[in-house]
């Protein structure tokens, strides 16, 4: 069962000014940020308000920039666990196979 609430008025009056102040401070300090607030929920819908200052807007290059991932999620994309890729050298693999076949023939 969903928790039903409507805090749109509270969001507009109390939370939005805080988010705007946060954005000003982060922008002045050149700090990327992302925020998302759920302001209402019903049996049919959930309302989120999201805002950000992306790293690119301040020409900041992050080692691990996850803000685009947050944006993707708010736009309806789902997350998938990142898996390491399996890398191999086909020529080395072929050489190993040939060596193994030669050894088998000697037996």
C-alpha atoms as a PDB file:
ATOM      1  CA  UNK A   1       0.000   0.000   0.000  1.00  0.00           C
ATOM      2  CA  UNK A   2       1.318   3.435  -0.975  1.00  0.00           C
ATOM      3  CA  UNK A   3       1.768   6.255   1.479  1.00  0.00           C
ATOM      4  CA  UNK A   4      -0.454   9.027   0.135  1.00  0.00           C
ATOM      5  CA  UNK A   5       0.722  12.612   0.579  1.00  0.00           C
ATOM      6  CA  UNK A   6       0.714  15.948  -1.197  1.00  0.00           C
ATOM      7  CA  UNK A   7       3.439  18.382  -0.139  1.00  0.00           C
ATOM      8  CA  UNK A   8       3.515  20.495  -3.310  1.00  0.00           C
ATOM      9  CA  UNK A   9       2.750  23.687  -1.407  1.00  0.00           C
ATOM     10  CA  UNK A  10       5.435  22.918   1.188  1.00  0.00           C
ATOM     11  CA  UNK A  11       7.892  22.126  -1.578  1.00  0.00           C
ATOM     12  CA  UNK A  12       7.233  25.453  -3.309  1.00  0.00           C
ATOM     13  CA  UNK A  13       7.312  27.515  -0.128  1.00  0.00           C
ATOM     14  CA  UNK A  14      10.016  25.816   1.953  1.00  0.00           C
ATOM     15  CA  UNK A  15      12.140  23.407  -0.071  1.00  0.00           C
ATOM     16  CA  UNK A  16      12.516  25.178  -3.420  1.00  0.00           C
ATOM     17  CA  UNK A  17      14.122  28.291  -1.854  1.00  0.00           C
ATOM     18  CA  UNK A  18      16.648  26.007  -0.121  1.00  0.00           C
ATOM     19  CA  UNK A  19      17.435  24.222  -3.365  1.00  0.00           C
ATOM     20  CA  UNK A  20      17.885  27.558  -5.132  1.00  0.00           C
ATOM     21  CA  UNK A  21      20.264  28.711  -2.371  1.00  0.00           C
ATOM     22  CA  UNK A  22      22.152  25.404  -2.645  1.00  0.00           C
ATOM     23  CA  UNK A  23      22.462  25.866  -6.401  1.00  0.00           C
ATOM     24  CA  UNK A  24      23.803  29.410  -5.984  1.00  0.00           C
ATOM     25  CA  UNK A  25      26.375  28.261  -3.405  1.00  0.00           C
ATOM     26  CA  UNK A  26      27.462  25.236  -5.459  1.00  0.00           C
ATOM     27  CA  UNK A  27      27.700  27.334  -8.608  1.00  0.00           C
ATOM     28  CA  UNK A  28      29.834  29.972  -6.856  1.00  0.00           C
ATOM     29  CA  UNK A  29      32.115  27.243  -5.484  1.00  0.00           C
ATOM     30  CA  UNK A  30      32.172  25.347  -8.802  1.00  0.00           C
ATOM     31  CA  UNK A  31      30.775  22.219  -7.163  1.00  0.00           C
ATOM     32  CA  UNK A  32      28.634  19.899  -9.287  1.00  0.00           C
ATOM     33  CA  UNK A  33      25.425  18.814  -7.566  1.00  0.00           C
ATOM     34  CA  UNK A  34      22.207  16.883  -8.046  1.00  0.00           C
ATOM     35  CA  UNK A  35      19.085  16.942  -5.903  1.00  0.00           C
ATOM     36  CA  UNK A  36      15.745  15.177  -6.188  1.00  0.00           C
ATOM     37  CA  UNK A  37      12.760  15.662  -3.887  1.00  0.00           C
ATOM     38  CA  UNK A  38       9.517  13.719  -3.832  1.00  0.00           C
ATOM     39  CA  UNK A  39       6.721  16.204  -3.207  1.00  0.00           C
ATOM     40  CA  UNK A  40       3.645  14.031  -3.643  1.00  0.00           C
ATOM     41  CA  UNK A  41       2.502  10.464  -3.928  1.00  0.00           C
ATOM     42  CA  UNK A  42      -0.875   8.947  -4.743  1.00  0.00           C
ATOM     43  CA  UNK A  43      -2.246   5.624  -5.898  1.00  0.00           C
ATOM     44  CA  UNK A  44      -1.708   6.776  -9.503  1.00  0.00           C
ATOM     45  CA  UNK A  45       1.411   8.959  -9.527  1.00  0.00           C
ATOM     46  CA  UNK A  46       4.561  10.091  -7.724  1.00  0.00           C
ATOM     47  CA  UNK A  47       5.939  13.592  -8.311  1.00  0.00           C
ATOM     48  CA  UNK A  48       9.647  14.353  -8.120  1.00  0.00           C
ATOM     49  CA  UNK A  49      11.402  17.690  -8.556  1.00  0.00           C
ATOM     50  CA  UNK A  50      15.031  17.329  -9.627  1.00  0.00           C
ATOM     51  CA  UNK A  51      17.712  19.881 -10.322  1.00  0.00           C
ATOM     52  CA  UNK A  52      21.437  19.902 -10.874  1.00  0.00           C
ATOM     53  CA  UNK A  53      24.600  21.744 -11.682  1.00  0.00           C
ATOM     54  CA  UNK A  54      26.487  19.351 -13.944  1.00  0.00           C
ATOM     55  CA  UNK A  55      30.260  19.239 -13.997  1.00  0.00           C
ATOM     56  CA  UNK A  56      30.399  20.319 -17.641  1.00  0.00           C
ATOM     57  CA  UNK A  57      28.730  23.652 -16.858  1.00  0.00           C
ATOM     58  CA  UNK A  58      31.814  24.670 -14.853  1.00  0.00           C
ATOM     59  CA  UNK A  59      34.311  22.857 -17.095  1.00  0.00           C
ATOM     60  CA  UNK A  60      35.004  20.342 -14.318  1.00  0.00           C
ATOM     61  CA  UNK A  61      36.306  16.891 -15.232  1.00  0.00           C
ATOM     62  CA  UNK A  62      35.483  14.317 -12.574  1.00  0.00           C
ATOM     63  CA  UNK A  63      37.196  10.948 -12.194  1.00  0.00           C
ATOM     64  CA  UNK A  64      33.780   9.386 -11.505  1.00  0.00           C
ATOM     65  CA  UNK A  65      30.868  11.576 -12.570  1.00  0.00           C
ATOM     66  CA  UNK A  66      27.645   9.876 -11.444  1.00  0.00           C
ATOM     67  CA  UNK A  67      25.380  12.891 -11.947  1.00  0.00           C
ATOM     68  CA  UNK A  68      24.509  11.776 -15.514  1.00  0.00           C
ATOM     69  CA  UNK A  69      23.483   8.410 -14.034  1.00  0.00           C
ATOM     70  CA  UNK A  70      21.069  10.178 -11.653  1.00  0.00           C
ATOM     71  CA  UNK A  71      19.662  12.175 -14.561  1.00  0.00           C
ATOM     72  CA  UNK A  72      19.194   9.006 -16.601  1.00  0.00           C
ATOM     73  CA  UNK A  73      17.261   7.410 -13.756  1.00  0.00           C
ATOM     74  CA  UNK A  74      15.003  10.457 -13.366  1.00  0.00           C
ATOM     75  CA  UNK A  75      14.364  10.240 -17.128  1.00  0.00           C
ATOM     76  CA  UNK A  76      13.130   6.662 -16.818  1.00  0.00           C
ATOM     77  CA  UNK A  77      16.245   4.623 -17.547  1.00  0.00           C
ATOM     78  CA  UNK A  78      17.000   1.629 -15.366  1.00  0.00           C
ATOM     79  CA  UNK A  79      20.364   0.840 -13.844  1.00  0.00           C
ATOM     80  CA  UNK A  80      22.450  -2.152 -14.824  1.00  0.00           C
ATOM     81  CA  UNK A  81      25.386  -3.383 -12.778  1.00  0.00           C
ATOM     82  CA  UNK A  82      28.610  -2.598 -14.599  1.00  0.00           C
ATOM     83  CA  UNK A  83      30.455  -5.752 -15.496  1.00  0.00           C
ATOM     84  CA  UNK A  84      34.091  -5.973 -16.355  1.00  0.00           C
ATOM     85  CA  UNK A  85      34.781  -6.982 -19.913  1.00  0.00           C
ATOM     86  CA  UNK A  86      36.665 -10.096 -20.793  1.00  0.00           C
ATOM     87  CA  UNK A  87      39.685  -9.240 -22.917  1.00  0.00           C
ATOM     88  CA  UNK A  88      41.908 -11.630 -24.799  1.00  0.00           C
ATOM     89  CA  UNK A  89      44.454 -11.570 -27.576  1.00  0.00           C
ATOM     90  CA  UNK A  90      43.251 -13.840 -30.372  1.00  0.00           C
ATOM     91  CA  UNK A  91      46.775 -14.322 -31.710  1.00  0.00           C
ATOM     92  CA  UNK A  92      48.094 -15.407 -28.291  1.00  0.00           C
ATOM     93  CA  UNK A  93      45.128 -17.717 -27.913  1.00  0.00           C
ATOM     94  CA  UNK A  94      45.852 -19.269 -31.315  1.00  0.00           C
ATOM     95  CA  UNK A  95      49.523 -19.761 -30.364  1.00  0.00           C
ATOM     96  CA  UNK A  96      48.486 -21.456 -27.105  1.00  0.00           C
ATOM     97  CA  UNK A  97      46.167 -23.801 -28.996  1.00  0.00           C
ATOM     98  CA  UNK A  98      48.893 -24.664 -31.495  1.00  0.00           C
ATOM     99  CA  UNK A  99      51.395 -25.357 -28.668  1.00  0.00           C
ATOM    100  CA  UNK A 100      48.866 -27.562 -26.902  1.00  0.00           C
ATOM    101  CA  UNK A 101      48.188 -29.518 -30.107  1.00  0.00           C
ATOM    102  CA  UNK A 102      51.929 -29.991 -30.670  1.00  0.00           C
ATOM    103  CA  UNK A 103      52.366 -31.269 -27.121  1.00  0.00           C
ATOM    104  CA  UNK A 104      49.432 -33.665 -27.566  1.00  0.00           C
ATOM    105  CA  UNK A 105      50.968 -35.010 -30.750  1.00  0.00           C
ATOM    106  CA  UNK A 106      54.269 -35.697 -28.939  1.00  0.00           C
ATOM    107  CA  UNK A 107      52.473 -37.877 -26.387  1.00  0.00           C
END
